[in-house]
Amino acid sequence: CRIRIIGDHGALPEPSQREAFVLARVGTADPSIRLACQLRPNCDLSFFQLFMPHTLAANAQASSPARIGQERYLVSLFVDMRGSTQLAEKRLPFDTVFIVNRFLGAVSQAVIENGGQPNQFVGDGMLALFGLTCDPQTACRQALKAVAGIATHVDELNELLSHDLRQPIRFGVGVHGGEVIIGDIGYRDHIVFTALGDAVNVAARLQDMTKTLQCEAIVSDEVRRTAGLHEDALPNQEVAIRGRDEPMMVRVVVDTRTLSAVVAGGERVAA
């Protein structure tokens, strides 16, 4: 809602504390630039809008307006299928795509069942978001339950495909929560709703770290704490995160099937 005042802007009221804060945050020192949503003029003025609204969604025919950027606490869950490269080497392309799609379907089902939203699919991996419609504590608990649900649904998938797979499908999950920016990102008819920020990046790093720590999931202590789980609910470990100066405390989950009981126990304590 930034606008540039045309002509004399000296007669306008001074920016409120809230307006001044936002203008300072976006690095605007020009007194002719104001926020249309905050400015309360007491005289006629001329202006033009600096950023025209784009309501074009991923579907060009969509009638819903574009979701502009905003900050909020979300829990990011990254999951990745292990061994998909070897899987592709021994199968027809159609078979490989079929198996990967069934895996992503199983993961998505677990996310949706526990209140999350599948957000981005990248190859054989997926980003899911929790907290779009609930408070941080609920979002953290939903994400932990979803991790356990992923294990359950992948077990069912492995049983279904047992005659076609030489080895069961395995996976790695990273979970972290924090303030992120959400909104529609992209260009023209290639726009997607997603989250950006350090919390998303850390979740991706934790997922990748499950390979070296030989576990199914790594959960940040931030998520454990916000979910209200006891200090000794899960094994803790200090790890170095690429891009961060300080080490980070995480919780290592060797078998994600145990998370359902852990979260249920934490909910009983909170109640």
C-alpha atoms as a PDB file:
ATOM      1  CA  CYS A   1       0.000   0.000   0.000  1.00  0.00           C
ATOM      2  CA  ARG A   2       2.978   2.361  -0.467  1.00  0.00           C
ATOM      3  CA  ILE A   3       2.127   5.545  -2.355  1.00  0.00           C
ATOM      4  CA  ARG A   4       4.157   8.535  -3.542  1.00  0.00           C
ATOM      5  CA  ILE A   5       2.631  11.940  -2.897  1.00  0.00           C
ATOM      6  CA  ILE A   6       2.720  14.230  -5.926  1.00  0.00           C
ATOM      7  CA  GLY A   7       3.456  17.867  -5.163  1.00  0.00           C
ATOM      8  CA  ASP A   8       3.583  19.397  -1.673  1.00  0.00           C
ATOM      9  CA  HIS A   9       3.480  16.833   1.106  1.00  0.00           C
ATOM     10  CA  GLY A  10       4.330  19.258   3.891  1.00  0.00           C
ATOM     11  CA  ALA A  11       0.690  19.762   4.880  1.00  0.00           C
ATOM     12  CA  LEU A  12       0.163  16.068   5.620  1.00  0.00           C
ATOM     13  CA  PRO A  13       0.116  14.814   9.218  1.00  0.00           C
ATOM     14  CA  GLU A  14       3.289  13.204  10.522  1.00  0.00           C
ATOM     15  CA  PRO A  15       3.440   9.372  10.227  1.00  0.00           C
ATOM     16  CA  SER A  16       2.048   7.516  13.212  1.00  0.00           C
ATOM     17  CA  GLN A  17       4.385   5.284  15.208  1.00  0.00           C
ATOM     18  CA  ARG A  18       3.112   2.217  13.331  1.00  0.00           C
ATOM     19  CA  GLU A  19       3.468   3.838   9.904  1.00  0.00           C
ATOM     20  CA  ALA A  20       6.944   5.131  10.720  1.00  0.00           C
ATOM     21  CA  PHE A  21       7.993   1.647  11.890  1.00  0.00           C
ATOM     22  CA  VAL A  22       6.908  -0.001   8.628  1.00  0.00           C
ATOM     23  CA  LEU A  23       8.485   2.696   6.465  1.00  0.00           C
ATOM     24  CA  ALA A  24      11.751   2.380   8.368  1.00  0.00           C
ATOM     25  CA  ARG A  25      11.692  -1.382   8.022  1.00  0.00           C
ATOM     26  CA  VAL A  26      11.381  -1.236   4.232  1.00  0.00           C
ATOM     27  CA  GLY A  27      14.204   1.299   4.136  1.00  0.00           C
ATOM     28  CA  THR A  28      12.170   4.296   3.005  1.00  0.00           C
ATOM     29  CA  ALA A  29      13.524   7.710   4.041  1.00  0.00           C
ATOM     30  CA  ASP A  30      11.729   9.705   1.319  1.00  0.00           C
ATOM     31  CA  PRO A  31       9.041  11.859   3.071  1.00  0.00           C
ATOM     32  CA  SER A  32       6.886  11.785  -0.065  1.00  0.00           C
ATOM     33  CA  ILE A  33       6.356   8.026   0.326  1.00  0.00           C
ATOM     34  CA  ARG A  34       3.565   7.071   2.711  1.00  0.00           C
ATOM     35  CA  LEU A  35       1.326   4.100   3.528  1.00  0.00           C
ATOM     36  CA  ALA A  36      -2.182   4.468   2.136  1.00  0.00           C
ATOM     37  CA  CYS A  37      -3.577   2.198   4.843  1.00  0.00           C
ATOM     38  CA  GLN A  38      -2.163   4.430   7.629  1.00  0.00           C
ATOM     39  CA  LEU A  39      -2.194   7.954   6.213  1.00  0.00           C
ATOM     40  CA  ARG A  40      -5.134  10.144   7.343  1.00  0.00           C
ATOM     41  CA  PRO A  41      -4.976  13.300   5.167  1.00  0.00           C
ATOM     42  CA  ASN A  42      -6.978  16.397   6.106  1.00  0.00           C
ATOM     43  CA  CYS A  43      -6.777  17.950   2.640  1.00  0.00           C
ATOM     44  CA  ASP A  44      -6.959  16.886  -1.011  1.00  0.00           C
ATOM     45  CA  LEU A  45      -3.835  15.279  -2.434  1.00  0.00           C
ATOM     46  CA  SER A  46      -2.543  13.587  -5.567  1.00  0.00           C
ATOM     47  CA  PHE A  47      -0.562  10.355  -5.493  1.00  0.00           C
ATOM     48  CA  PHE A  48       0.285   7.199  -7.395  1.00  0.00           C
ATOM     49  CA  GLN A  49       0.656   3.665  -6.113  1.00  0.00           C
ATOM     50  CA  LEU A  50       4.206   2.305  -6.098  1.00  0.00           C
ATOM     51  CA  PHE A  51       3.258  -1.383  -6.280  1.00  0.00           C
ATOM     52  CA  MET A  52       0.200  -2.285  -8.281  1.00  0.00           C
ATOM     53  CA  PRO A  53      -1.758  -5.238  -6.883  1.00  0.00           C
ATOM     54  CA  HIS A  54      -1.487  -8.449  -8.897  1.00  0.00           C
ATOM     55  CA  THR A  55      -4.444 -10.731  -8.383  1.00  0.00           C
ATOM     56  CA  LEU A  56      -3.303 -13.341 -10.868  1.00  0.00           C
ATOM     57  CA  ALA A  57      -3.098 -16.673  -9.061  1.00  0.00           C
ATOM     58  CA  ALA A  58      -1.514 -19.904 -10.239  1.00  0.00           C
ATOM     59  CA  ASN A  59      -4.690 -20.517 -12.188  1.00  0.00           C
ATOM     60  CA  ALA A  60      -5.203 -17.564 -14.532  1.00  0.00           C
ATOM     61  CA  GLN A  61      -8.958 -17.991 -14.203  1.00  0.00           C
ATOM     62  CA  ALA A  62      -8.923 -17.958 -10.397  1.00  0.00           C
ATOM     63  CA  SER A  63     -11.142 -15.326  -8.830  1.00  0.00           C
ATOM     64  CA  SER A  64      -9.438 -15.229  -5.406  1.00  0.00           C
ATOM     65  CA  PRO A  65      -6.973 -12.345  -4.881  1.00  0.00           C
ATOM     66  CA  ALA A  66      -3.257 -12.945  -4.504  1.00  0.00           C
ATOM     67  CA  ARG A  67      -2.065 -13.482  -0.938  1.00  0.00           C
ATOM     68  CA  ILE A  68       0.419 -10.741  -0.159  1.00  0.00           C
ATOM     69  CA  GLY A  69       3.385 -11.254   2.150  1.00  0.00           C
ATOM     70  CA  GLN A  70       2.892 -11.430   5.890  1.00  0.00           C
ATOM     71  CA  GLU A  71       4.857 -12.738   8.858  1.00  0.00           C
ATOM     72  CA  ARG A  72       3.690 -15.475  11.188  1.00  0.00           C
ATOM     73  CA  TYR A  73       4.919 -18.448  13.223  1.00  0.00           C
ATOM     74  CA  LEU A  74       4.798 -21.656  11.199  1.00  0.00           C
ATOM     75  CA  VAL A  75       6.226 -25.133  11.563  1.00  0.00           C
ATOM     76  CA  SER A  76       8.034 -26.400   8.462  1.00  0.00           C
ATOM     77  CA  LEU A  77       8.272 -30.128   7.821  1.00  0.00           C
ATOM     78  CA  PHE A  78      10.627 -31.391   5.121  1.00  0.00           C
ATOM     79  CA  VAL A  79      10.440 -35.044   4.099  1.00  0.00           C
ATOM     80  CA  ASP A  80      12.599 -36.822   1.555  1.00  0.00           C
ATOM     81  CA  MET A  81      12.420 -40.304   0.064  1.00  0.00           C
ATOM     82  CA  ARG A  82      15.645 -42.255   0.407  1.00  0.00           C
ATOM     83  CA  GLY A  83      17.180 -44.264  -2.426  1.00  0.00           C
ATOM     84  CA  SER A  84      15.079 -42.910  -5.284  1.00  0.00           C
ATOM     85  CA  THR A  85      18.149 -42.716  -7.562  1.00  0.00           C
ATOM     86  CA  GLN A  86      18.839 -46.422  -7.185  1.00  0.00           C
ATOM     87  CA  LEU A  87      15.121 -47.030  -7.600  1.00  0.00           C
ATOM     88  CA  ALA A  88      15.140 -45.285 -10.976  1.00  0.00           C
ATOM     89  CA  GLU A  89      18.189 -47.191 -12.231  1.00  0.00           C
ATOM     90  CA  LYS A  90      16.421 -50.552 -12.114  1.00  0.00           C
ATOM     91  CA  ARG A  91      12.932 -49.542 -13.299  1.00  0.00           C
ATOM     92  CA  LEU A  92      11.070 -48.088 -16.241  1.00  0.00           C
ATOM     93  CA  PRO A  93      10.412 -44.333 -15.936  1.00  0.00           C
ATOM     94  CA  PHE A  94       6.688 -44.976 -15.566  1.00  0.00           C
ATOM     95  CA  ASP A  95       7.264 -47.346 -12.633  1.00  0.00           C
ATOM     96  CA  THR A  96       9.602 -44.907 -10.895  1.00  0.00           C
ATOM     97  CA  VAL A  97       7.147 -42.019 -11.181  1.00  0.00           C
ATOM     98  CA  PHE A  98       4.343 -44.292  -9.959  1.00  0.00           C
ATOM     99  CA  ILE A  99       6.253 -45.291  -6.808  1.00  0.00           C
ATOM    100  CA  VAL A 100       7.403 -41.730  -6.027  1.00  0.00           C
ATOM    101  CA  ASN A 101       3.848 -40.438  -6.455  1.00  0.00           C
ATOM    102  CA  ARG A 102       2.520 -43.118  -4.131  1.00  0.00           C
ATOM    103  CA  PHE A 103       5.151 -42.120  -1.552  1.00  0.00           C
ATOM    104  CA  LEU A 104       4.258 -38.428  -1.805  1.00  0.00           C
ATOM    105  CA  GLY A 105       0.593 -39.369  -1.575  1.00  0.00           C
ATOM    106  CA  ALA A 106       1.212 -41.305   1.636  1.00  0.00           C
ATOM    107  CA  VAL A 107       3.160 -38.372   3.108  1.00  0.00           C
ATOM    108  CA  SER A 108       0.505 -35.831   2.066  1.00  0.00           C
ATOM    109  CA  GLN A 109      -2.235 -37.946   3.604  1.00  0.00           C
ATOM    110  CA  ALA A 110      -0.430 -37.950   6.958  1.00  0.00           C
ATOM    111  CA  VAL A 111       0.089 -34.177   6.785  1.00  0.00           C
ATOM    112  CA  ILE A 112      -3.545 -33.412   5.935  1.00  0.00           C
ATOM    113  CA  GLU A 113      -4.906 -35.823   8.545  1.00  0.00           C
ATOM    114  CA  ASN A 114      -2.990 -33.902  11.215  1.00  0.00           C
ATOM    115  CA  GLY A 115      -3.980 -30.384  10.200  1.00  0.00           C
ATOM    116  CA  GLY A 116      -1.038 -29.467   7.966  1.00  0.00           C
ATOM    117  CA  GLN A 117      -0.851 -28.347   4.361  1.00  0.00           C
ATOM    118  CA  PRO A 118       1.357 -29.954   1.696  1.00  0.00           C
ATOM    119  CA  ASN A 119       3.084 -26.973   0.135  1.00  0.00           C
ATOM    120  CA  GLN A 120       5.884 -27.769  -2.304  1.00  0.00           C
ATOM    121  CA  PHE A 121       6.929 -30.933  -4.099  1.00  0.00           C
ATOM    122  CA  VAL A 122      10.554 -31.075  -5.220  1.00  0.00           C
ATOM    123  CA  GLY A 123      11.468 -34.339  -6.920  1.00  0.00           C
ATOM    124  CA  ASP A 124      10.859 -37.047  -4.334  1.00  0.00           C
ATOM    125  CA  GLY A 125      10.638 -34.581  -1.443  1.00  0.00           C
ATOM    126  CA  MET A 126       7.989 -32.342   0.046  1.00  0.00           C
ATOM    127  CA  LEU A 127       7.620 -29.274   2.243  1.00  0.00           C
ATOM    128  CA  ALA A 128       4.558 -29.163   4.492  1.00  0.00           C
ATOM    129  CA  LEU A 129       3.404 -26.228   6.629  1.00  0.00           C
ATOM    130  CA  PHE A 130       1.619 -26.262   9.982  1.00  0.00           C
ATOM    131  CA  GLY A 131       0.144 -23.267  11.809  1.00  0.00           C
ATOM    132  CA  LEU A 132      -1.677 -21.465   9.008  1.00  0.00           C
ATOM    133  CA  THR A 133      -4.936 -21.661  10.972  1.00  0.00           C
ATOM    134  CA  CYS A 134      -3.858 -22.458  14.543  1.00  0.00           C
ATOM    135  CA  ASP A 135      -1.589 -21.335  17.386  1.00  0.00           C
ATOM    136  CA  PRO A 136       2.133 -22.310  17.584  1.00  0.00           C
ATOM    137  CA  GLN A 137       1.705 -25.012  20.242  1.00  0.00           C
ATOM    138  CA  THR A 138      -1.019 -26.761  18.247  1.00  0.00           C
ATOM    139  CA  ALA A 139       1.058 -26.442  15.064  1.00  0.00           C
ATOM    140  CA  CYS A 140       4.077 -28.099  16.718  1.00  0.00           C
ATOM    141  CA  ARG A 141       2.001 -30.974  18.040  1.00  0.00           C
ATOM    142  CA  GLN A 142       0.315 -31.435  14.670  1.00  0.00           C
ATOM    143  CA  ALA A 143       3.685 -31.600  12.924  1.00  0.00           C
ATOM    144  CA  LEU A 144       5.017 -34.225  15.350  1.00  0.00           C
ATOM    145  CA  LYS A 145       1.877 -36.322  14.934  1.00  0.00           C
ATOM    146  CA  ALA A 146       2.236 -35.992  11.159  1.00  0.00           C
ATOM    147  CA  VAL A 147       5.772 -37.414  11.346  1.00  0.00           C
ATOM    148  CA  ALA A 148       4.396 -40.485  13.121  1.00  0.00           C
ATOM    149  CA  GLY A 149       1.589 -40.637  10.562  1.00  0.00           C
ATOM    150  CA  ILE A 150       4.125 -40.596   7.724  1.00  0.00           C
ATOM    151  CA  ALA A 151       5.748 -43.708   9.182  1.00  0.00           C
ATOM    152  CA  THR A 152       2.373 -45.457   9.435  1.00  0.00           C
ATOM    153  CA  HIS A 153       1.350 -44.668   5.860  1.00  0.00           C
ATOM    154  CA  VAL A 154       4.768 -45.545   4.436  1.00  0.00           C
ATOM    155  CA  ASP A 155       4.597 -48.893   6.277  1.00  0.00           C
ATOM    156  CA  GLU A 156       1.261 -49.532   4.588  1.00  0.00           C
ATOM    157  CA  LEU A 157       2.727 -48.542   1.218  1.00  0.00           C
ATOM    158  CA  ASN A 158       5.704 -50.862   1.701  1.00  0.00           C
ATOM    159  CA  GLU A 159       3.351 -53.728   2.433  1.00  0.00           C
ATOM    160  CA  LEU A 160       1.305 -52.921  -0.672  1.00  0.00           C
ATOM    161  CA  LEU A 161       4.405 -52.801  -2.890  1.00  0.00           C
ATOM    162  CA  SER A 162       6.313 -55.590  -1.178  1.00  0.00           C
ATOM    163  CA  HIS A 163       6.329 -57.752  -4.323  1.00  0.00           C
ATOM    164  CA  ASP A 164       7.783 -54.935  -6.430  1.00  0.00           C
ATOM    165  CA  LEU A 165      10.396 -53.490  -4.063  1.00  0.00           C
ATOM    166  CA  ARG A 166      13.708 -55.144  -3.277  1.00  0.00           C
ATOM    167  CA  GLN A 167      14.005 -52.943  -0.188  1.00  0.00           C
ATOM    168  CA  PRO A 168      11.315 -51.054   1.740  1.00  0.00           C
ATOM    169  CA  ILE A 169      10.922 -47.332   1.066  1.00  0.00           C
ATOM    170  CA  ARG A 170      12.768 -45.268   3.663  1.00  0.00           C
ATOM    171  CA  PHE A 171      12.544 -41.549   4.437  1.00  0.00           C
ATOM    172  CA  GLY A 172      14.073 -38.678   6.396  1.00  0.00           C
ATOM    173  CA  VAL A 173      12.200 -35.790   8.055  1.00  0.00           C
ATOM    174  CA  GLY A 174      13.310 -32.415   9.409  1.00  0.00           C
ATOM    175  CA  VAL A 175      10.998 -30.248  11.540  1.00  0.00           C
ATOM    176  CA  HIS A 176      11.565 -26.682  12.754  1.00  0.00           C
ATOM    177  CA  GLY A 177       9.356 -23.763  13.758  1.00  0.00           C
ATOM    178  CA  GLY A 178       9.737 -20.005  13.721  1.00  0.00           C
ATOM    179  CA  GLU A 179       8.693 -16.709  12.188  1.00  0.00           C
ATOM    180  CA  VAL A 180       8.525 -16.892   8.389  1.00  0.00           C
ATOM    181  CA  ILE A 181       7.166 -14.816   5.538  1.00  0.00           C
ATOM    182  CA  ILE A 182       4.226 -16.339   3.685  1.00  0.00           C
ATOM    183  CA  GLY A 183       2.652 -15.220   0.438  1.00  0.00           C
ATOM    184  CA  ASP A 184       2.245 -15.882  -3.264  1.00  0.00           C
ATOM    185  CA  ILE A 185       5.628 -16.260  -4.960  1.00  0.00           C
ATOM    186  CA  GLY A 186       6.315 -16.647  -8.668  1.00  0.00           C
ATOM    187  CA  TYR A 187       5.651 -15.105 -12.046  1.00  0.00           C
ATOM    188  CA  ARG A 188       2.429 -14.782 -14.039  1.00  0.00           C
ATOM    189  CA  ASP A 189       0.725 -18.181 -14.225  1.00  0.00           C
ATOM    190  CA  HIS A 190       3.518 -19.860 -12.222  1.00  0.00           C
ATOM    191  CA  ILE A 191       2.623 -18.472  -8.794  1.00  0.00           C
ATOM    192  CA  VAL A 192       2.543 -20.631  -5.666  1.00  0.00           C
ATOM    193  CA  PHE A 193       1.734 -19.919  -2.041  1.00  0.00           C
ATOM    194  CA  THR A 194       4.754 -20.744   0.120  1.00  0.00           C
ATOM    195  CA  ALA A 195       6.884 -19.771   3.105  1.00  0.00           C
ATOM    196  CA  LEU A 196      10.294 -18.107   3.130  1.00  0.00           C
ATOM    197  CA  GLY A 197      12.733 -17.668   5.992  1.00  0.00           C
ATOM    198  CA  ASP A 198      15.399 -19.150   8.210  1.00  0.00           C
ATOM    199  CA  ALA A 199      12.983 -21.586   9.864  1.00  0.00           C
ATOM    200  CA  VAL A 200      12.202 -23.194   6.494  1.00  0.00           C
ATOM    201  CA  ASN A 201      15.886 -23.452   5.594  1.00  0.00           C
ATOM    202  CA  VAL A 202      16.756 -25.031   8.944  1.00  0.00           C
ATOM    203  CA  ALA A 203      14.034 -27.680   8.522  1.00  0.00           C
ATOM    204  CA  ALA A 204      15.567 -28.609   5.161  1.00  0.00           C
ATOM    205  CA  ARG A 205      19.050 -28.833   6.725  1.00  0.00           C
ATOM    206  CA  LEU A 206      17.731 -31.064   9.526  1.00  0.00           C
ATOM    207  CA  GLN A 207      16.112 -33.395   7.001  1.00  0.00           C
ATOM    208  CA  ASP A 208      19.417 -33.743   5.185  1.00  0.00           C
ATOM    209  CA  MET A 209      21.188 -34.363   8.497  1.00  0.00           C
ATOM    210  CA  THR A 210      19.109 -37.488   9.181  1.00  0.00           C
ATOM    211  CA  LYS A 211      21.363 -39.303   6.674  1.00  0.00           C
ATOM    212  CA  THR A 212      24.545 -38.739   8.697  1.00  0.00           C
ATOM    213  CA  LEU A 213      22.891 -39.260  12.098  1.00  0.00           C
ATOM    214  CA  GLN A 214      21.181 -42.403  10.793  1.00  0.00           C
ATOM    215  CA  CYS A 215      17.711 -41.601  12.072  1.00  0.00           C
ATOM    216  CA  GLU A 216      14.263 -41.097  10.560  1.00  0.00           C
ATOM    217  CA  ALA A 217      13.639 -37.586  11.886  1.00  0.00           C
ATOM    218  CA  ILE A 218      15.347 -34.625  13.514  1.00  0.00           C
ATOM    219  CA  VAL A 219      13.163 -32.149  15.398  1.00  0.00           C
ATOM    220  CA  SER A 220      14.454 -28.802  16.623  1.00  0.00           C
ATOM    221  CA  ASP A 221      14.292 -28.216  20.361  1.00  0.00           C
ATOM    222  CA  GLU A 222      12.195 -25.143  19.520  1.00  0.00           C
ATOM    223  CA  VAL A 223       9.415 -27.453  18.281  1.00  0.00           C
ATOM    224  CA  ARG A 224       9.793 -29.804  21.270  1.00  0.00           C
ATOM    225  CA  ARG A 225       9.579 -26.893  23.709  1.00  0.00           C
ATOM    226  CA  THR A 226       6.681 -25.109  21.985  1.00  0.00           C
ATOM    227  CA  ALA A 227       4.754 -28.383  21.745  1.00  0.00           C
ATOM    228  CA  GLY A 228       4.967 -28.634  25.534  1.00  0.00           C
ATOM    229  CA  LEU A 229       6.878 -31.907  25.596  1.00  0.00           C
ATOM    230  CA  HIS A 230       8.991 -32.762  28.627  1.00  0.00           C
ATOM    231  CA  GLU A 231      12.734 -32.052  28.528  1.00  0.00           C
ATOM    232  CA  ASP A 232      13.613 -35.755  28.435  1.00  0.00           C
ATOM    233  CA  ALA A 233      10.849 -36.762  26.030  1.00  0.00           C
ATOM    234  CA  LEU A 234      13.314 -37.244  23.159  1.00  0.00           C
ATOM    235  CA  PRO A 235      17.114 -37.714  22.957  1.00  0.00           C
ATOM    236  CA  ASN A 236      18.900 -34.390  22.517  1.00  0.00           C
ATOM    237  CA  GLN A 237      22.009 -33.533  20.532  1.00  0.00           C
ATOM    238  CA  GLU A 238      23.864 -30.346  19.629  1.00  0.00           C
ATOM    239  CA  VAL A 239      24.524 -29.971  15.899  1.00  0.00           C
ATOM    240  CA  ALA A 240      26.140 -27.423  13.610  1.00  0.00           C
ATOM    241  CA  ILE A 241      23.762 -25.950  11.023  1.00  0.00           C
ATOM    242  CA  ARG A 242      25.233 -24.671   7.775  1.00  0.00           C
ATOM    243  CA  GLY A 243      24.707 -20.906   7.578  1.00  0.00           C
ATOM    244  CA  ARG A 244      24.457 -20.450  11.366  1.00  0.00           C
ATOM    245  CA  ASP A 245      27.267 -19.298  13.649  1.00  0.00           C
ATOM    246  CA  GLU A 246      25.997 -20.999  16.800  1.00  0.00           C
ATOM    247  CA  PRO A 247      25.281 -24.732  17.236  1.00  0.00           C
ATOM    248  CA  MET A 248      21.652 -25.777  17.601  1.00  0.00           C
ATOM    249  CA  MET A 249      19.991 -28.167  20.038  1.00  0.00           C
ATOM    250  CA  VAL A 250      17.868 -30.797  18.281  1.00  0.00           C
ATOM    251  CA  ARG A 251      15.964 -33.956  19.155  1.00  0.00           C
ATOM    252  CA  VAL A 252      16.901 -37.130  17.307  1.00  0.00           C
ATOM    253  CA  VAL A 253      14.125 -39.590  16.503  1.00  0.00           C
ATOM    254  CA  VAL A 254      15.441 -42.974  15.381  1.00  0.00           C
ATOM    255  CA  ASP A 255      11.978 -44.534  14.997  1.00  0.00           C
ATOM    256  CA  THR A 256       9.257 -42.005  14.149  1.00  0.00           C
ATOM    257  CA  ARG A 257       6.498 -44.453  15.086  1.00  0.00           C
ATOM    258  CA  THR A 258       7.212 -43.633  18.747  1.00  0.00           C
ATOM    259  CA  LEU A 259       6.233 -39.980  18.343  1.00  0.00           C
ATOM    260  CA  SER A 260       2.476 -40.584  18.673  1.00  0.00           C
ATOM    261  CA  ALA A 261       2.888 -41.828  22.255  1.00  0.00           C
ATOM    262  CA  VAL A 262       5.364 -39.043  23.076  1.00  0.00           C
ATOM    263  CA  VAL A 263       2.986 -36.304  21.887  1.00  0.00           C
ATOM    264  CA  ALA A 264      -0.011 -37.939  23.570  1.00  0.00           C
ATOM    265  CA  GLY A 265       1.913 -38.011  26.842  1.00  0.00           C
ATOM    266  CA  GLY A 266       2.792 -34.332  26.486  1.00  0.00           C
ATOM    267  CA  GLU A 267      -0.843 -33.422  25.844  1.00  0.00           C
ATOM    268  CA  ARG A 268      -1.975 -35.239  28.990  1.00  0.00           C
ATOM    269  CA  VAL A 269       0.610 -33.320  31.043  1.00  0.00           C
ATOM    270  CA  ALA A 270      -0.523 -29.997  29.521  1.00  0.00           C
ATOM    271  CA  ALA A 271      -4.161 -30.810  30.233  1.00  0.00           C
END
